Protein backbone atom coordinates (compact mmCIF):
# COMPACT_ATOMS: atom_id res chain seq x y z
CA MET A 1 0.30 0.24 -0.35
CA LYS A 2 1.83 2.85 -1.26
CA LEU A 3 0.44 6.14 1.52
CA ASP A 4 -0.10 9.91 0.94
CA ASN A 5 0.48 12.77 3.01
CA LYS A 6 -3.31 12.86 2.97
CA ASP A 7 -4.50 9.39 3.72
CA ILE A 8 -2.07 8.48 6.91
CA SER A 9 -3.84 10.21 9.62
CA THR A 10 -7.03 8.78 8.73
CA LEU A 11 -6.44 5.41 8.18
CA GLU A 12 -7.16 2.91 11.42
CA GLU A 13 -4.72 1.62 14.26
CA VAL A 14 -4.49 -2.04 12.41
CA THR A 15 -3.38 -0.84 9.24
CA LEU A 16 -1.07 1.88 11.06
CA LEU A 17 0.86 -1.24 12.49
CA GLY A 18 1.33 -3.79 9.60
CA LEU A 19 2.62 -0.73 7.44
CA ALA A 20 5.22 -0.52 9.70
CA ARG A 21 5.64 -3.60 10.92
CA ALA A 22 6.64 -3.69 7.51
CA GLY A 23 8.86 -0.90 7.45
CA SER A 24 7.40 2.38 7.13
CA SER A 25 8.34 4.80 8.93
CA ARG A 26 5.57 7.50 8.69
CA ALA A 27 3.29 5.11 10.06
CA PHE A 28 4.94 4.60 13.25
CA GLY A 29 5.26 8.05 12.87
CA GLU A 30 1.41 8.62 12.81
CA LEU A 31 1.15 5.95 15.80
CA TRP A 32 3.60 8.46 18.22
CA GLN A 33 1.28 11.36 17.27
CA ARG A 34 -1.31 9.99 17.87
CA HIS A 35 -0.37 8.79 21.31
CA GLN A 36 2.87 10.40 22.70
CA ARG A 37 0.21 12.60 24.75
CA SER A 38 -0.64 9.95 26.66
CA VAL A 39 2.32 8.14 27.13
CA ILE A 40 3.49 11.45 28.40
CA ALA A 41 0.10 11.91 30.27
CA SER A 42 0.68 9.04 32.32
CA LEU A 43 3.87 8.64 32.96
CA ARG A 44 4.21 12.59 34.90
CA PRO A 45 3.48 10.80 38.57
CA LEU A 46 5.94 8.66 37.87
CA CYS A 47 8.74 9.81 36.70
CA ARG A 48 8.42 13.51 36.53
CA SER A 49 11.52 14.44 35.77
CA GLU A 50 12.85 12.35 33.01
CA VAL A 51 9.15 12.13 31.08
CA GLU A 52 9.94 13.37 28.17
CA ASP A 53 13.02 11.15 27.17
CA ILE A 54 11.85 7.91 28.59
CA ALA A 55 8.47 8.60 26.89
CA SER A 56 10.54 8.89 23.83
CA GLU A 57 13.12 5.96 24.63
CA SER A 58 9.62 4.13 24.83
CA PHE A 59 8.29 4.90 21.48
CA THR A 60 12.15 4.10 20.25
CA ILE A 61 12.18 0.74 21.96
CA VAL A 62 8.31 -0.49 20.38
CA TRP A 63 10.25 1.20 17.13
CA SER A 64 13.22 -1.40 17.07
CA GLN A 65 10.89 -4.28 18.19
CA MET A 66 9.08 -3.39 15.67
CA LYS A 67 11.35 -3.45 12.48
CA CYS A 68 12.43 -6.83 13.98
CA GLY A 69 8.75 -8.50 13.72
CA GLY A 70 7.91 -8.04 17.55
CA GLY A 71 5.90 -5.76 19.20
CA PRO A 72 2.23 -4.96 19.09
CA ARG A 73 0.42 -6.11 16.13
CA THR A 74 -2.85 -4.58 17.77
CA HIS A 75 -3.56 -2.12 20.47
CA PHE A 76 -0.81 -0.18 20.41
CA ARG A 77 -1.39 2.36 22.47
CA ALA A 78 -1.28 -0.78 25.86
CA TYR A 79 1.71 -2.01 24.46
CA VAL A 80 3.93 1.72 24.27
CA LEU A 81 2.93 2.92 27.97
CA THR A 82 3.97 -1.28 30.00
CA VAL A 83 7.24 -0.13 28.02
CA ALA A 84 7.53 3.18 28.99
CA LYS A 85 6.35 2.08 33.26
CA ARG A 86 8.52 -0.57 32.86
CA LEU A 87 11.15 2.13 31.14
CA SER A 88 10.38 4.23 34.75
CA TYR A 89 10.64 1.92 37.14
CA ARG A 90 13.83 0.34 35.60
CA THR A 91 14.99 4.14 35.70
CA TYR A 92 14.04 4.44 38.80
CA ARG A 93 16.07 1.21 40.40
CA GLU A 94 18.75 2.05 38.96
CA ARG A 95 18.58 5.89 40.05
CA SER A 96 18.27 4.52 43.88
CA GLN A 97 21.25 2.49 43.31
CA PHE A 98 23.78 5.60 42.36
CA VAL A 99 25.06 6.32 45.76
CA PRO A 100 26.80 9.47 45.09
CA ALA A 101 29.63 10.96 47.14
CA CYS A 102 31.84 14.03 48.33
CA ASP A 103 35.21 13.17 46.51
CA MET A 104 37.96 13.52 47.97
CA ASP A 105 40.48 13.39 45.36
CA ILE A 106 39.24 17.53 44.94
CA PHE A 107 40.53 18.47 48.34
CA PRO A 108 43.60 18.83 49.77
CA LEU A 109 44.71 16.61 51.91
CA THR A 110 46.40 19.01 54.09
CA GLY A 111 42.90 21.20 56.52
CA THR A 112 41.32 22.42 59.31
CA GLU A 113 39.20 19.82 61.48
CA GLU A 114 36.59 21.99 60.52
CA GLN A 115 36.85 21.50 56.58
CA TRP A 116 36.83 17.87 57.44
CA GLN A 117 33.67 18.60 59.74
CA ARG A 118 32.29 19.76 56.27
CA ILE A 119 33.35 16.97 54.26
CA GLU A 120 31.79 14.82 56.45
CA THR A 121 29.20 16.37 57.05
CA ILE A 122 27.87 16.73 53.48
CA ASN A 123 28.59 12.88 53.19
CA HIS A 124 25.77 12.76 55.84
CA ILE A 125 23.75 15.22 53.60
CA LEU A 126 24.10 12.55 50.55
CA ALA A 127 23.37 9.71 52.40
CA ALA A 128 20.27 10.93 54.22
CA LEU A 129 19.14 11.70 50.79
CA ASN A 130 19.65 8.32 48.97
CA LYS A 131 18.42 6.66 51.37
CA ILE A 132 14.75 8.65 50.94
CA PRO A 133 12.11 7.82 48.92
CA ALA A 134 13.43 10.51 45.27
CA ARG A 135 10.09 12.73 45.94
CA TRP A 136 10.92 13.70 48.69
CA SER A 137 14.55 14.54 47.58
CA GLU A 138 13.04 16.75 45.37
CA VAL A 139 10.44 18.33 47.05
CA LEU A 140 12.87 19.25 50.01
CA TRP A 141 15.47 20.75 47.88
CA LEU A 142 12.86 22.55 45.26
CA HIS A 143 11.15 23.82 49.35
CA SER A 144 14.43 24.40 51.56
CA VAL A 145 17.62 25.04 48.56
CA GLU A 146 15.74 27.04 45.65
CA GLY A 147 13.04 28.26 47.90
CA ARG A 148 9.75 27.47 46.22
CA THR A 149 6.45 28.35 47.20
CA ARG A 150 4.06 25.80 47.62
CA ALA A 151 1.53 27.26 44.85
CA GLU A 152 4.78 26.36 42.71
CA LEU A 153 4.87 22.85 44.32
CA CYS A 154 1.71 22.63 43.54
CA GLU A 155 1.64 22.91 40.44
CA LYS A 156 4.94 20.65 39.62
CA PHE A 157 3.91 17.54 41.53
CA GLY A 158 0.11 18.20 40.51
CA LEU A 159 -1.57 17.99 44.31
CA SER A 160 -3.68 20.36 45.88
CA PRO A 161 -1.97 22.72 48.78
CA ASN A 162 -2.97 19.92 51.47
CA SER A 163 -1.09 17.07 49.78
CA VAL A 164 1.91 19.12 49.04
CA SER A 165 1.94 20.33 52.94
CA ALA A 166 1.77 15.94 54.19
CA LEU A 167 4.75 15.46 51.72
CA THR A 168 6.76 18.02 52.72
CA ARG A 169 6.69 17.04 56.27
CA ARG A 170 7.17 13.86 55.60
CA ALA A 171 10.19 14.59 53.81
CA ARG A 172 11.93 16.57 56.24
CA ILE A 173 10.74 13.38 59.17
CA GLY A 174 12.21 11.11 56.67
CA PHE A 175 15.19 13.12 55.69
CA LYS A 176 15.54 13.61 59.51
CA LYS A 177 15.49 10.27 60.78
CA ALA A 178 18.08 9.02 57.96
CA TYR A 179 20.66 11.76 58.57
CA GLN A 180 20.62 10.58 61.75
CA ASP A 181 21.18 7.44 60.76
CA ALA A 182 23.75 8.25 58.61
CA THR A 183 25.64 10.36 61.31
CA ALA A 184 25.20 7.62 63.61
CA ALA A 185 27.24 4.03 61.54
């Protein structure tokens, strides 16, 4: 089947899937246009900062599968949403296993006791931030460090003002406990 510019947007999804499986990038592009917004919307609660990257990578994975004969034959949206959610979970797991630490090579080996205590405090703070959920770290950073208002946090997280207050409170309590654990170790 030859694709014209005017009829690609009128084709049914099953037809587009067949064409995409046969290697038509234009047919896959139409599928992407139809479903990209819903994929981004469903990812927003899972991974705020990397939504578009994960959505794009999900479509790329599905396109690679389809070119090799795999991937969806029907229900494209459900398939790409499943890939996107699994990818976001994997990204979250990989990020939560990463523990940044203060790089001792950037500091001189000779220093005052005060400098070494500062370095140790930084390491405790980083350890505590890595022990709490990523969402708690983000809300603490935005509120306490960047000075964002509750209204800005409501918009960013898509929550009500009371929910943002509760989230911030839980994050502070969780961070305090994680910091105390890090200093006790």
